[in-house]
């Protein structure tokens, strides 16, 4: 069950071909509107989304804001991969409205 007010509140379940039963208990990705990045950050070796979240938002649980603002990063763990070192990512405002805690 998804909590009321969660950023996943309106996300759909994975439904099978017959359109009746969920394929599994997960939910599909929620629709993400473009985030207004107010800061560009260059990824360095050892960066992790939770640590960037702590640095920019003083909260390790807001890492998803950074992930939402950077659709080229599919999974949070991808940021730790060598291929992103030197890449520029967007860091959205910490006071953005629209779902989540």
N, C-alpha and C. Protein backbone atom coordinates (compact mmCIF):
# COMPACT_ATOMS: atom_id res chain seq x y z
N UNK A 1 0.85 -1.18 0.00
CA UNK A 1 0.00 0.00 0.00
C UNK A 1 0.89 1.24 0.00
N UNK A 2 0.52 2.20 -0.81
CA UNK A 2 1.29 3.43 -0.93
C UNK A 2 0.67 4.49 -0.04
N UNK A 3 1.50 5.13 0.75
CA UNK A 3 1.02 6.14 1.69
C UNK A 3 0.47 7.35 0.96
N UNK A 4 -0.60 7.89 1.49
CA UNK A 4 -1.18 9.13 0.94
C UNK A 4 -0.15 10.24 1.07
N UNK A 5 0.03 10.99 0.02
CA UNK A 5 1.00 12.07 0.01
C UNK A 5 2.38 11.64 -0.46
N UNK A 6 2.58 10.32 -0.67
CA UNK A 6 3.84 9.82 -1.17
C UNK A 6 4.03 10.27 -2.61
N UNK A 7 5.27 10.43 -3.05
CA UNK A 7 5.51 10.80 -4.44
C UNK A 7 5.12 9.67 -5.40
N UNK A 8 4.82 8.48 -4.88
CA UNK A 8 4.36 7.36 -5.69
C UNK A 8 2.86 7.11 -5.56
N UNK A 9 2.15 8.03 -4.94
CA UNK A 9 0.72 7.86 -4.69
C UNK A 9 -0.07 7.54 -5.96
N UNK A 10 0.25 8.17 -7.07
CA UNK A 10 -0.51 7.98 -8.30
C UNK A 10 0.17 7.05 -9.30
N UNK A 11 1.23 6.37 -8.87
CA UNK A 11 1.92 5.43 -9.76
C UNK A 11 1.07 4.18 -9.96
N UNK A 12 1.19 3.56 -11.14
CA UNK A 12 0.41 2.38 -11.46
C UNK A 12 1.16 1.10 -11.09
N UNK A 13 0.42 0.03 -10.81
CA UNK A 13 1.02 -1.27 -10.58
C UNK A 13 1.41 -1.88 -11.92
N UNK A 14 2.32 -2.85 -11.88
CA UNK A 14 2.63 -3.62 -13.07
C UNK A 14 1.49 -4.60 -13.31
N UNK A 15 0.78 -4.44 -14.41
CA UNK A 15 -0.37 -5.29 -14.73
C UNK A 15 -0.01 -6.20 -15.90
N UNK A 16 -0.46 -7.45 -15.84
CA UNK A 16 -0.17 -8.43 -16.89
C UNK A 16 -0.91 -8.13 -18.18
N UNK A 17 -0.67 -8.97 -19.17
CA UNK A 17 -1.27 -8.79 -20.50
C UNK A 17 -2.79 -8.83 -20.47
N UNK A 18 -3.34 -9.58 -19.55
CA UNK A 18 -4.79 -9.69 -19.47
C UNK A 18 -5.42 -8.47 -18.82
N UNK A 19 -4.60 -7.63 -18.17
CA UNK A 19 -5.10 -6.41 -17.58
C UNK A 19 -5.87 -6.59 -16.29
N UNK A 20 -5.72 -7.75 -15.64
CA UNK A 20 -6.51 -8.01 -14.45
C UNK A 20 -5.68 -8.08 -13.17
N UNK A 21 -4.68 -8.91 -13.17
CA UNK A 21 -3.89 -9.14 -11.96
C UNK A 21 -2.52 -8.46 -12.07
N UNK A 22 -2.05 -7.91 -10.97
CA UNK A 22 -0.68 -7.36 -10.99
C UNK A 22 0.33 -8.47 -11.28
N UNK A 23 1.33 -8.15 -12.08
CA UNK A 23 2.39 -9.12 -12.39
C UNK A 23 3.18 -9.41 -11.13
N UNK A 24 3.46 -8.39 -10.36
CA UNK A 24 4.10 -8.52 -9.06
C UNK A 24 3.74 -7.30 -8.24
N UNK A 25 4.13 -7.31 -6.98
CA UNK A 25 3.67 -6.29 -6.05
C UNK A 25 4.27 -4.91 -6.20
N UNK A 26 5.13 -4.72 -7.16
CA UNK A 26 5.76 -3.41 -7.32
C UNK A 26 4.89 -2.43 -8.08
N UNK A 27 5.40 -1.25 -8.24
CA UNK A 27 4.69 -0.23 -9.00
C UNK A 27 5.59 0.28 -10.12
N UNK A 28 4.97 0.82 -11.14
CA UNK A 28 5.73 1.41 -12.24
C UNK A 28 6.33 2.74 -11.79
N UNK A 29 7.32 3.15 -12.54
CA UNK A 29 7.91 4.46 -12.24
C UNK A 29 6.85 5.53 -12.34
N UNK A 30 6.95 6.53 -11.49
CA UNK A 30 6.00 7.62 -11.55
C UNK A 30 6.42 8.58 -12.66
N UNK A 31 5.48 9.32 -13.17
CA UNK A 31 5.81 10.32 -14.18
C UNK A 31 6.57 11.45 -13.51
N UNK A 32 7.63 11.86 -14.14
CA UNK A 32 8.49 12.90 -13.57
C UNK A 32 8.49 14.09 -14.51
N UNK A 33 8.10 15.23 -14.00
CA UNK A 33 8.17 16.44 -14.81
C UNK A 33 9.59 17.00 -14.70
N UNK A 34 9.99 17.81 -15.65
CA UNK A 34 11.36 18.35 -15.62
C UNK A 34 11.62 19.12 -14.32
N UNK A 35 12.76 18.85 -13.73
CA UNK A 35 13.16 19.55 -12.50
C UNK A 35 13.94 20.79 -12.88
N UNK A 36 13.71 21.85 -12.14
CA UNK A 36 14.45 23.08 -12.36
C UNK A 36 15.76 23.00 -11.59
N UNK A 37 16.82 22.59 -12.28
CA UNK A 37 18.12 22.51 -11.63
C UNK A 37 18.66 23.90 -11.40
N UNK A 38 19.08 24.17 -10.21
CA UNK A 38 19.61 25.50 -9.93
C UNK A 38 21.11 25.46 -9.72
N UNK A 39 21.67 24.25 -9.74
CA UNK A 39 23.10 24.11 -9.54
C UNK A 39 23.59 22.98 -10.41
N UNK A 40 24.70 23.20 -11.09
CA UNK A 40 25.34 22.13 -11.84
C UNK A 40 26.49 21.61 -11.00
N UNK A 41 26.61 20.30 -10.93
CA UNK A 41 27.64 19.68 -10.10
C UNK A 41 28.39 18.67 -10.95
N UNK A 42 29.72 18.67 -10.86
CA UNK A 42 30.55 17.72 -11.58
C UNK A 42 30.85 16.53 -10.67
N UNK A 43 30.49 15.35 -11.14
CA UNK A 43 30.65 14.11 -10.37
C UNK A 43 32.14 13.79 -10.21
N UNK A 44 32.51 13.45 -8.98
CA UNK A 44 33.89 13.04 -8.69
C UNK A 44 33.87 11.60 -8.17
N UNK A 45 35.03 10.99 -8.16
CA UNK A 45 35.14 9.62 -7.67
C UNK A 45 34.67 9.54 -6.23
N UNK A 46 33.86 8.54 -5.92
CA UNK A 46 33.35 8.35 -4.57
C UNK A 46 32.01 9.00 -4.30
N UNK A 47 31.48 9.77 -5.26
CA UNK A 47 30.17 10.39 -5.06
C UNK A 47 29.08 9.33 -4.97
N UNK A 48 28.13 9.58 -4.10
CA UNK A 48 26.92 8.75 -3.95
C UNK A 48 25.76 9.71 -3.78
N UNK A 49 24.58 9.30 -4.24
CA UNK A 49 23.42 10.18 -4.14
C UNK A 49 23.06 10.51 -2.70
N UNK A 50 23.18 9.56 -1.79
CA UNK A 50 22.84 9.87 -0.40
C UNK A 50 23.80 10.90 0.19
N UNK A 51 25.07 10.82 -0.18
CA UNK A 51 26.03 11.80 0.34
C UNK A 51 25.83 13.18 -0.29
N UNK A 52 25.50 13.20 -1.59
CA UNK A 52 25.20 14.49 -2.22
C UNK A 52 23.94 15.10 -1.60
N UNK A 53 22.96 14.27 -1.33
CA UNK A 53 21.73 14.73 -0.69
C UNK A 53 22.03 15.32 0.69
N UNK A 54 22.88 14.66 1.43
CA UNK A 54 23.26 15.18 2.75
C UNK A 54 23.96 16.52 2.61
N UNK A 55 24.84 16.62 1.64
CA UNK A 55 25.59 17.87 1.44
C UNK A 55 24.68 19.02 1.00
N UNK A 56 23.81 18.77 0.02
CA UNK A 56 23.00 19.86 -0.53
C UNK A 56 21.69 20.10 0.22
N UNK A 57 21.12 19.06 0.86
CA UNK A 57 19.82 19.19 1.51
C UNK A 57 19.86 18.95 3.01
N UNK A 58 21.04 18.58 3.51
CA UNK A 58 21.18 18.24 4.93
C UNK A 58 20.24 17.10 5.32
N UNK A 59 20.04 16.17 4.38
CA UNK A 59 19.12 15.06 4.59
C UNK A 59 19.49 13.95 3.60
N UNK A 60 19.88 12.78 4.08
CA UNK A 60 20.28 11.70 3.18
C UNK A 60 19.11 11.09 2.43
N UNK A 61 17.89 11.33 2.85
CA UNK A 61 16.72 10.71 2.23
C UNK A 61 16.17 11.47 1.03
N UNK A 62 16.73 12.58 0.68
CA UNK A 62 16.22 13.36 -0.46
C UNK A 62 17.03 13.11 -1.74
N UNK A 63 17.76 12.01 -1.79
CA UNK A 63 18.57 11.67 -2.95
C UNK A 63 17.72 11.55 -4.21
N UNK A 64 16.46 11.16 -4.05
CA UNK A 64 15.58 10.97 -5.21
C UNK A 64 15.35 12.26 -5.97
N UNK A 65 15.47 13.42 -5.30
CA UNK A 65 15.33 14.70 -6.01
C UNK A 65 16.42 14.85 -7.06
N UNK A 66 17.63 14.46 -6.70
CA UNK A 66 18.76 14.54 -7.63
C UNK A 66 18.56 13.54 -8.77
N UNK A 67 18.11 12.35 -8.43
CA UNK A 67 17.86 11.33 -9.44
C UNK A 67 16.77 11.78 -10.41
N UNK A 68 15.69 12.37 -9.91
CA UNK A 68 14.61 12.88 -10.76
C UNK A 68 15.10 13.96 -11.72
N UNK A 69 16.02 14.79 -11.27
CA UNK A 69 16.50 15.90 -12.09
C UNK A 69 17.48 15.44 -13.17
N UNK A 70 17.90 14.18 -13.09
CA UNK A 70 18.91 13.67 -14.01
C UNK A 70 18.46 12.33 -14.61
N UNK A 71 17.54 12.38 -15.60
CA UNK A 71 16.97 11.14 -16.13
C UNK A 71 17.99 10.22 -16.80
N UNK A 72 19.17 10.72 -17.11
CA UNK A 72 20.20 9.87 -17.71
C UNK A 72 20.76 8.88 -16.69
N UNK A 73 20.53 9.12 -15.40
CA UNK A 73 20.97 8.20 -14.36
C UNK A 73 19.76 7.32 -14.03
N UNK A 74 19.78 6.09 -14.50
CA UNK A 74 18.63 5.21 -14.37
C UNK A 74 18.50 4.68 -12.96
N UNK A 75 19.59 4.23 -12.38
CA UNK A 75 19.59 3.67 -11.03
C UNK A 75 20.52 4.49 -10.16
N UNK A 76 20.17 4.66 -8.91
CA UNK A 76 20.99 5.45 -7.99
C UNK A 76 22.43 4.94 -7.93
N UNK A 77 22.61 3.63 -7.96
CA UNK A 77 23.96 3.07 -7.88
C UNK A 77 24.80 3.42 -9.10
N UNK A 78 24.16 3.78 -10.22
CA UNK A 78 24.92 4.13 -11.42
C UNK A 78 25.83 5.33 -11.21
N UNK A 79 25.46 6.21 -10.31
CA UNK A 79 26.28 7.39 -10.09
C UNK A 79 27.67 7.02 -9.58
N UNK A 80 27.80 5.87 -8.94
CA UNK A 80 29.09 5.44 -8.41
C UNK A 80 29.98 4.85 -9.50
N UNK A 81 29.45 4.62 -10.69
CA UNK A 81 30.23 4.02 -11.75
C UNK A 81 31.23 5.00 -12.34
N UNK A 82 32.32 4.47 -12.80
CA UNK A 82 33.40 5.27 -13.37
C UNK A 82 32.93 6.15 -14.51
N UNK A 83 31.94 5.68 -15.29
CA UNK A 83 31.53 6.43 -16.49
C UNK A 83 30.95 7.81 -16.19
N UNK A 84 30.51 8.08 -14.96
CA UNK A 84 29.92 9.38 -14.64
C UNK A 84 30.93 10.37 -14.05
N UNK A 85 32.13 9.91 -13.73
CA UNK A 85 33.13 10.84 -13.18
C UNK A 85 33.43 11.89 -14.24
N UNK A 86 33.35 13.14 -13.84
CA UNK A 86 33.56 14.26 -14.76
C UNK A 86 32.30 14.74 -15.44
N UNK A 87 31.20 13.99 -15.33
CA UNK A 87 29.93 14.41 -15.92
C UNK A 87 29.27 15.46 -15.03
N UNK A 88 28.50 16.32 -15.65
CA UNK A 88 27.77 17.35 -14.91
C UNK A 88 26.34 16.88 -14.69
N UNK A 89 25.87 16.99 -13.45
CA UNK A 89 24.49 16.67 -13.12
C UNK A 89 23.82 17.90 -12.53
N UNK A 90 22.49 17.88 -12.49
CA UNK A 90 21.74 19.00 -11.93
C UNK A 90 21.35 18.70 -10.49
N UNK A 91 21.45 19.70 -9.65
CA UNK A 91 21.01 19.61 -8.26
C UNK A 91 19.83 20.57 -8.13
N UNK A 92 18.60 20.04 -7.99
CA UNK A 92 17.43 20.93 -7.88
C UNK A 92 17.33 21.61 -6.52
N UNK A 93 16.53 22.64 -6.49
CA UNK A 93 16.29 23.37 -5.24
C UNK A 93 15.80 22.40 -4.17
N UNK A 94 16.12 22.67 -2.95
CA UNK A 94 15.67 21.80 -1.85
C UNK A 94 14.23 22.08 -1.47
N UNK A 95 13.67 23.19 -1.92
CA UNK A 95 12.31 23.57 -1.55
C UNK A 95 11.31 23.30 -2.67
N UNK A 96 11.71 22.44 -3.64
CA UNK A 96 10.79 22.12 -4.74
C UNK A 96 9.49 21.57 -4.23
N UNK A 97 8.42 21.92 -4.88
CA UNK A 97 7.11 21.39 -4.50
C UNK A 97 6.84 20.13 -5.30
N UNK A 98 5.86 19.37 -4.87
CA UNK A 98 5.43 18.24 -5.66
C UNK A 98 5.82 16.89 -5.14
N UNK A 99 5.18 16.44 -4.12
CA UNK A 99 5.31 15.07 -3.66
C UNK A 99 6.59 14.75 -2.95
N UNK A 100 6.52 13.78 -2.12
CA UNK A 100 7.70 13.30 -1.41
C UNK A 100 7.89 13.95 -0.08
N UNK A 101 8.73 13.33 0.66
CA UNK A 101 9.03 13.83 2.00
C UNK A 101 10.51 14.00 2.15
